[in-house]
């Protein structure tokens, strides 16, 4: 089953989940100029502060997750790990080979994501919160039918907000631990120097 190419010059990036991680990534991507905010969307269900945060960046806020999936070429799961399965099952009927799925949900394995969505064109990405200021340390792993072009597209997006590396998913836990130690050390040096 061949994947349809994602048009790099016109794709729409959608976020399922409008929390702080999504906001950090969106701010960083928009600030870097890699993707204009009018080509990014999300859905905010009830929290008006979250809606305001995204609208102030210039992001399109849609009515619900289904609208985000229908409107987007690349869909980022940016929800709490305990709700990923429910969200994946909810949007499953809307997915096609034309969609590239990305997960930033901590600890949720590609195998599970692919099973829950019935979709293997997935990339698992583990960023950390300094995305908004261009200092993220991100690692990614490609799923079953994600192409090299898909990996390059996501690498460019997340590379715009910091450093990105590709790794085998089985190494994610160790890499994540090292990244947080390094982040803590940088933060400590900054605090102590001031």
Protein backbone atom coordinates (compact mmCIF):
# COMPACT_ATOMS: atom_id res chain seq x y z
CA UNK A 1 0.00 0.00 0.00
CA UNK A 2 1.71 3.16 -1.23
CA UNK A 3 1.38 6.35 0.77
CA UNK A 4 0.28 9.53 -0.92
CA UNK A 5 2.95 12.24 -0.79
CA UNK A 6 2.28 15.10 1.61
CA UNK A 7 2.58 18.39 -0.34
CA UNK A 8 5.39 20.17 1.56
CA UNK A 9 4.45 23.60 0.19
CA UNK A 10 0.76 23.45 1.13
CA UNK A 11 0.07 20.80 3.79
CA UNK A 12 -2.14 21.55 6.79
CA UNK A 13 -0.87 20.55 10.24
CA UNK A 14 -3.57 19.62 12.75
CA UNK A 15 -3.26 19.05 16.48
CA UNK A 16 -5.55 16.72 18.40
CA UNK A 17 -5.11 18.23 21.84
CA UNK A 18 -4.58 21.90 22.54
CA UNK A 19 -2.45 21.76 25.67
CA UNK A 20 0.87 23.32 26.58
CA UNK A 21 2.98 20.87 24.51
CA UNK A 22 0.95 21.57 21.36
CA UNK A 23 1.13 25.30 22.04
CA UNK A 24 4.90 25.12 22.54
CA UNK A 25 5.39 23.25 19.25
CA UNK A 26 3.04 25.57 17.34
CA UNK A 27 4.75 28.70 18.69
CA UNK A 28 8.17 27.36 17.78
CA UNK A 29 7.16 26.24 14.28
CA UNK A 30 5.38 29.53 13.56
CA UNK A 31 8.25 31.62 14.97
CA UNK A 32 10.80 29.74 12.86
CA UNK A 33 8.84 30.43 9.68
CA UNK A 34 8.84 26.78 8.59
CA UNK A 35 5.03 26.76 8.57
CA UNK A 36 2.74 29.79 8.76
CA UNK A 37 0.17 29.65 11.56
CA UNK A 38 -2.73 29.83 9.08
CA UNK A 39 -1.76 26.30 7.95
CA UNK A 40 -2.06 24.95 11.50
CA UNK A 41 -5.30 23.98 13.25
CA UNK A 42 -6.58 22.46 16.47
CA UNK A 43 -9.84 22.04 18.35
CA UNK A 44 -10.55 23.48 21.78
CA UNK A 45 -13.61 22.05 23.46
CA UNK A 46 -14.30 24.14 26.54
CA UNK A 47 -11.29 26.02 27.88
CA UNK A 48 -11.46 29.55 26.50
CA UNK A 49 -7.90 30.32 27.63
CA UNK A 50 -6.63 27.49 25.40
CA UNK A 51 -8.70 28.83 22.49
CA UNK A 52 -7.29 32.33 23.05
CA UNK A 53 -3.72 30.99 23.24
CA UNK A 54 -3.99 29.36 19.80
CA UNK A 55 -5.99 32.11 18.15
CA UNK A 56 -3.44 34.70 19.34
CA UNK A 57 -0.78 32.80 17.35
CA UNK A 58 -3.01 32.81 14.26
CA UNK A 59 -3.96 29.13 14.40
CA UNK A 60 -7.37 28.07 13.09
CA UNK A 61 -9.49 26.68 15.95
CA UNK A 62 -12.06 24.15 14.71
CA UNK A 63 -15.16 22.73 16.38
CA UNK A 64 -13.90 19.23 17.24
CA UNK A 65 -11.25 16.57 16.64
CA UNK A 66 -13.13 15.14 13.66
CA UNK A 67 -12.97 18.53 11.94
CA UNK A 68 -9.22 18.69 12.63
CA UNK A 69 -8.67 15.27 11.02
CA UNK A 70 -10.80 16.11 7.99
CA UNK A 71 -9.07 19.49 7.47
CA UNK A 72 -5.47 18.29 7.99
CA UNK A 73 -2.87 16.36 5.99
CA UNK A 74 -0.64 15.75 9.02
CA UNK A 75 -2.40 15.02 12.32
CA UNK A 76 -0.45 15.29 15.60
CA UNK A 77 -1.75 13.43 18.66
CA UNK A 78 -0.87 15.79 21.49
CA UNK A 79 -3.10 14.45 24.23
CA UNK A 80 -2.45 12.87 27.60
CA UNK A 81 -1.31 9.23 27.28
CA UNK A 82 -4.35 7.91 29.15
CA UNK A 83 -6.77 9.28 26.50
CA UNK A 84 -4.82 8.43 23.33
CA UNK A 85 -6.65 5.13 22.77
CA UNK A 86 -10.11 6.73 23.06
CA UNK A 87 -9.15 9.58 20.73
CA UNK A 88 -7.57 7.17 18.23
CA UNK A 89 -10.70 5.02 18.16
CA UNK A 90 -12.89 8.11 17.74
CA UNK A 91 -11.06 9.38 14.65
CA UNK A 92 -10.29 5.97 13.13
CA UNK A 93 -13.19 6.08 10.61
CA UNK A 94 -11.88 9.39 9.21
CA UNK A 95 -8.36 8.20 8.43
CA UNK A 96 -7.10 7.44 4.94
CA UNK A 97 -3.77 6.64 3.30
CA UNK A 98 -3.47 10.36 2.56
CA UNK A 99 -3.04 11.21 6.26
CA UNK A 100 0.27 11.18 8.08
CA UNK A 101 -0.15 10.67 11.82
CA UNK A 102 2.32 11.85 14.43
CA UNK A 103 2.23 11.21 18.16
CA UNK A 104 3.93 13.26 20.86
CA UNK A 105 2.09 11.36 23.62
CA UNK A 106 4.66 10.17 26.15
CA UNK A 107 5.08 6.44 26.56
CA UNK A 108 2.57 5.35 23.90
CA UNK A 109 4.20 2.85 21.54
CA UNK A 110 3.90 2.87 17.74
CA UNK A 111 2.51 -0.68 17.81
CA UNK A 112 -0.43 0.48 19.95
CA UNK A 113 -1.00 3.68 17.98
CA UNK A 114 -1.09 1.74 14.73
CA UNK A 115 -3.44 -0.88 16.17
CA UNK A 116 -5.88 1.65 17.66
CA UNK A 117 -6.09 3.76 14.49
CA UNK A 118 -5.84 0.91 11.97
CA UNK A 119 -3.24 3.13 10.32
CA UNK A 120 0.49 2.41 10.03
CA UNK A 121 1.61 5.71 8.49
CA UNK A 122 2.67 6.97 11.89
CA UNK A 123 5.71 8.75 13.31
CA UNK A 124 6.34 8.79 17.03
CA UNK A 125 8.06 11.95 18.19
CA UNK A 126 9.32 12.78 21.69
CA UNK A 127 9.99 16.52 22.04
CA UNK A 128 10.57 18.43 25.23
CA UNK A 129 8.95 21.75 26.15
CA UNK A 130 11.66 24.23 25.04
CA UNK A 131 10.13 23.97 21.53
CA UNK A 132 8.70 27.49 21.81
CA UNK A 133 12.16 29.01 22.15
CA UNK A 134 13.90 26.82 19.57
CA UNK A 135 15.81 24.74 22.12
CA UNK A 136 13.95 21.42 21.95
CA UNK A 137 15.70 18.08 21.95
CA UNK A 138 13.52 15.71 19.95
CA UNK A 139 13.80 12.09 18.91
CA UNK A 140 11.58 10.37 16.33
CA UNK A 141 10.87 6.89 15.02
CA UNK A 142 8.99 5.98 11.83
CA UNK A 143 6.10 3.53 11.89
CA UNK A 144 5.17 0.78 9.44
CA UNK A 145 4.33 2.67 6.24
CA UNK A 146 5.75 6.11 7.06
CA UNK A 147 8.05 7.01 4.17
CA UNK A 148 11.47 8.62 4.17
CA UNK A 149 9.75 11.74 2.77
CA UNK A 150 7.35 11.67 5.74
CA UNK A 151 10.35 11.46 8.06
CA UNK A 152 12.03 14.39 6.31
CA UNK A 153 8.87 16.50 6.57
CA UNK A 154 8.46 15.84 10.29
CA UNK A 155 12.21 16.23 10.79
CA UNK A 156 12.02 19.69 9.21
CA UNK A 157 9.02 20.68 11.36
CA UNK A 158 10.53 19.57 14.65
CA UNK A 159 14.04 20.57 13.55
CA UNK A 160 12.73 24.12 13.31
CA UNK A 161 12.24 24.15 17.09
CA UNK A 162 15.52 22.55 18.12
CA UNK A 163 17.60 19.46 17.47
CA UNK A 164 16.05 16.25 16.16
CA UNK A 165 17.42 12.73 15.91
CA UNK A 166 16.01 9.54 14.49
CA UNK A 167 16.25 6.46 16.72
CA UNK A 168 14.82 3.01 17.11
CA UNK A 169 11.73 3.28 19.28
CA UNK A 170 13.08 0.73 21.78
CA UNK A 171 15.68 3.35 22.78
CA UNK A 172 13.13 6.12 23.52
CA UNK A 173 12.95 5.58 27.28
CA UNK A 174 16.72 5.83 27.68
CA UNK A 175 16.96 8.82 25.34
CA UNK A 176 14.10 10.60 27.09
CA UNK A 177 15.82 10.13 30.45
CA UNK A 178 19.10 11.55 29.13
CA UNK A 179 17.32 14.55 27.56
CA UNK A 180 15.61 15.45 30.82
CA UNK A 181 18.86 15.18 32.78
CA UNK A 182 20.53 17.46 30.23
CA UNK A 183 17.58 19.91 30.36
CA UNK A 184 17.69 19.94 34.15
CA UNK A 185 21.43 20.62 34.10
CA UNK A 186 21.03 23.56 31.68
CA UNK A 187 18.20 24.97 33.79
CA UNK A 188 20.24 24.59 36.99
CA UNK A 189 23.25 26.34 35.46
CA UNK A 190 21.02 29.21 34.33
CA UNK A 191 19.36 29.57 37.74
CA UNK A 192 22.62 29.39 39.68
CA UNK A 193 24.39 31.83 37.38
CA UNK A 194 21.69 34.43 37.99
